[in-house]
Amino acid sequence: MSSLKPVINQNQIEQRLGVSLLTVTQFCQRWQITELALFGSVLRDDFNPNSDLDFLVTFSPDAKIGLAEVNEMEQELKNMVKRKIDLIWKKSIEASQNWIRRQNILETAKVIYGER
């Protein structure tokens, strides 16, 4: 069984994402994202070339994000990291009735972009 605790540093994040954190920052600013975090296997020792990337996202309160924008953003992110992705709203995890899943994701997520 793999460890649930993140075992990854900034260099490993960039290596596993296949892009620099500067590129991630530019993506987030373009899409009015106030916080972007990783969770799941990307942070653990069971990450492999076939793994997808799980992102936890928080948007600016004034962001106008509809279905078309979500699709465009997901496609851009997928093309950027060259992997399958899951883009999950942090609010939906915080409101989840599944407390085990909620706790696991929120406690292990690693923020890779956050407006100060």
Protein backbone atom coordinates (compact mmCIF):
# COMPACT_ATOMS: atom_id res chain seq x y z
CA MET A 1 0.00 0.00 0.00
CA SER A 2 1.36 3.42 -0.89
CA SER A 3 1.86 6.27 1.51
CA LEU A 4 -0.89 8.89 1.67
CA LYS A 5 1.48 11.65 2.74
CA PRO A 6 3.00 13.80 0.00
CA VAL A 7 6.62 12.87 -0.67
CA ILE A 8 7.44 15.46 -3.29
CA ASN A 9 9.38 18.72 -3.56
CA GLN A 10 9.21 21.61 -6.04
CA ASN A 11 11.70 20.07 -8.48
CA GLN A 12 9.77 16.79 -8.48
CA ILE A 13 6.52 18.69 -9.07
CA GLU A 14 7.94 20.38 -12.16
CA GLN A 15 9.38 17.08 -13.38
CA ARG A 16 6.10 15.22 -12.89
CA LEU A 17 4.02 18.01 -14.44
CA GLY A 18 6.41 18.35 -17.35
CA VAL A 19 6.14 22.16 -17.14
CA SER A 20 7.60 24.87 -14.95
CA LEU A 21 5.69 26.39 -12.07
CA LEU A 22 6.00 29.70 -13.95
CA THR A 23 3.93 28.17 -16.75
CA VAL A 24 1.41 27.00 -14.14
CA THR A 25 1.30 30.53 -12.69
CA GLN A 26 0.59 32.03 -16.11
CA PHE A 27 -2.18 29.49 -16.72
CA CYS A 28 -3.77 30.28 -13.34
CA GLN A 29 -3.63 34.04 -13.87
CA ARG A 30 -5.19 33.70 -17.33
CA TRP A 31 -8.11 31.66 -15.93
CA GLN A 32 -8.62 33.76 -12.76
CA ILE A 33 -7.60 30.86 -10.51
CA THR A 34 -6.72 31.94 -6.98
CA GLU A 35 -5.44 28.54 -5.86
CA LEU A 36 -4.36 25.39 -7.69
CA ALA A 37 -3.29 22.27 -5.82
CA LEU A 38 -2.28 18.75 -6.71
CA PHE A 39 -3.56 15.64 -4.99
CA GLY A 40 -3.47 11.92 -5.58
CA SER A 41 -0.72 9.73 -6.99
CA VAL A 42 1.31 12.64 -8.40
CA LEU A 43 2.36 13.36 -4.81
CA ARG A 44 3.16 9.78 -3.91
CA ASP A 45 5.73 7.17 -4.76
CA ASP A 46 3.20 5.19 -6.84
CA PHE A 47 3.12 7.92 -9.55
CA ASN A 48 4.06 6.48 -12.95
CA PRO A 49 4.05 7.41 -16.66
CA ASN A 50 0.43 6.25 -17.01
CA SER A 51 -0.87 8.20 -14.02
CA ASP A 52 -3.31 11.04 -14.52
CA LEU A 53 -2.97 14.35 -12.71
CA ASP A 54 -5.53 15.41 -10.12
CA PHE A 55 -5.96 19.16 -9.64
CA LEU A 56 -7.95 20.99 -6.97
CA VAL A 57 -8.98 24.45 -8.17
CA THR A 58 -10.37 27.61 -6.58
CA PHE A 59 -11.47 30.51 -8.78
CA SER A 60 -11.58 34.21 -8.08
CA PRO A 61 -15.06 35.23 -6.86
CA ASP A 62 -15.47 37.45 -9.96
CA ALA A 63 -14.42 34.74 -12.44
CA LYS A 64 -17.07 34.03 -15.05
CA ILE A 65 -16.59 30.32 -15.66
CA GLY A 66 -19.24 28.50 -17.65
CA LEU A 67 -19.25 25.07 -19.26
CA ALA A 68 -17.47 26.28 -22.42
CA GLU A 69 -14.71 27.88 -20.35
CA VAL A 70 -14.31 24.75 -18.21
CA ASN A 71 -13.93 22.60 -21.32
CA GLU A 72 -11.41 25.01 -22.84
CA MET A 73 -9.45 25.27 -19.60
CA GLU A 74 -9.35 21.48 -19.11
CA GLN A 75 -8.15 20.99 -22.69
CA GLU A 76 -5.45 23.64 -22.28
CA LEU A 77 -4.26 22.06 -19.02
CA LYS A 78 -4.31 18.57 -20.54
CA ASN A 79 -2.24 19.77 -23.52
CA MET A 80 0.14 21.62 -21.22
CA VAL A 81 0.96 18.59 -19.03
CA LYS A 82 0.47 15.98 -21.78
CA ARG A 83 -1.53 13.68 -19.51
CA LYS A 84 -5.10 12.92 -18.61
CA ILE A 85 -6.31 15.25 -15.89
CA ASP A 86 -9.06 15.55 -13.34
CA LEU A 87 -9.96 19.14 -12.44
CA ILE A 88 -11.98 19.25 -9.23
CA TRP A 89 -13.48 22.34 -7.60
CA LYS A 90 -12.20 22.70 -4.03
CA LYS A 91 -15.67 23.86 -2.93
CA SER A 92 -17.16 20.56 -4.10
CA ILE A 93 -14.66 18.58 -2.03
CA GLU A 94 -15.22 20.80 1.02
CA ALA A 95 -18.98 20.18 0.69
CA SER A 96 -18.63 16.43 0.08
CA GLN A 97 -20.68 14.10 2.28
CA ASN A 98 -17.86 11.55 2.01
CA TRP A 99 -15.77 12.75 4.95
CA ILE A 100 -13.02 10.18 4.39
CA ARG A 101 -12.45 11.30 0.80
CA ARG A 102 -12.78 14.96 1.79
CA GLN A 103 -10.26 14.61 4.62
CA ASN A 104 -7.82 12.60 2.51
CA ILE A 105 -7.81 15.11 -0.37
CA LEU A 106 -7.75 18.29 1.72
CA GLU A 107 -5.04 17.01 4.09
CA THR A 108 -2.71 15.75 1.36
CA ALA A 109 -3.23 18.37 -1.38
CA LYS A 110 -0.14 20.41 -2.21
CA VAL A 111 -0.73 23.97 -3.38
CA ILE A 112 1.32 24.76 -6.49
CA TYR A 113 -0.20 28.19 -7.14
CA GLY A 114 -1.83 30.59 -4.74
CA GLU A 115 -2.41 34.33 -4.94
CA ARG A 116 -0.99 36.15 -1.97
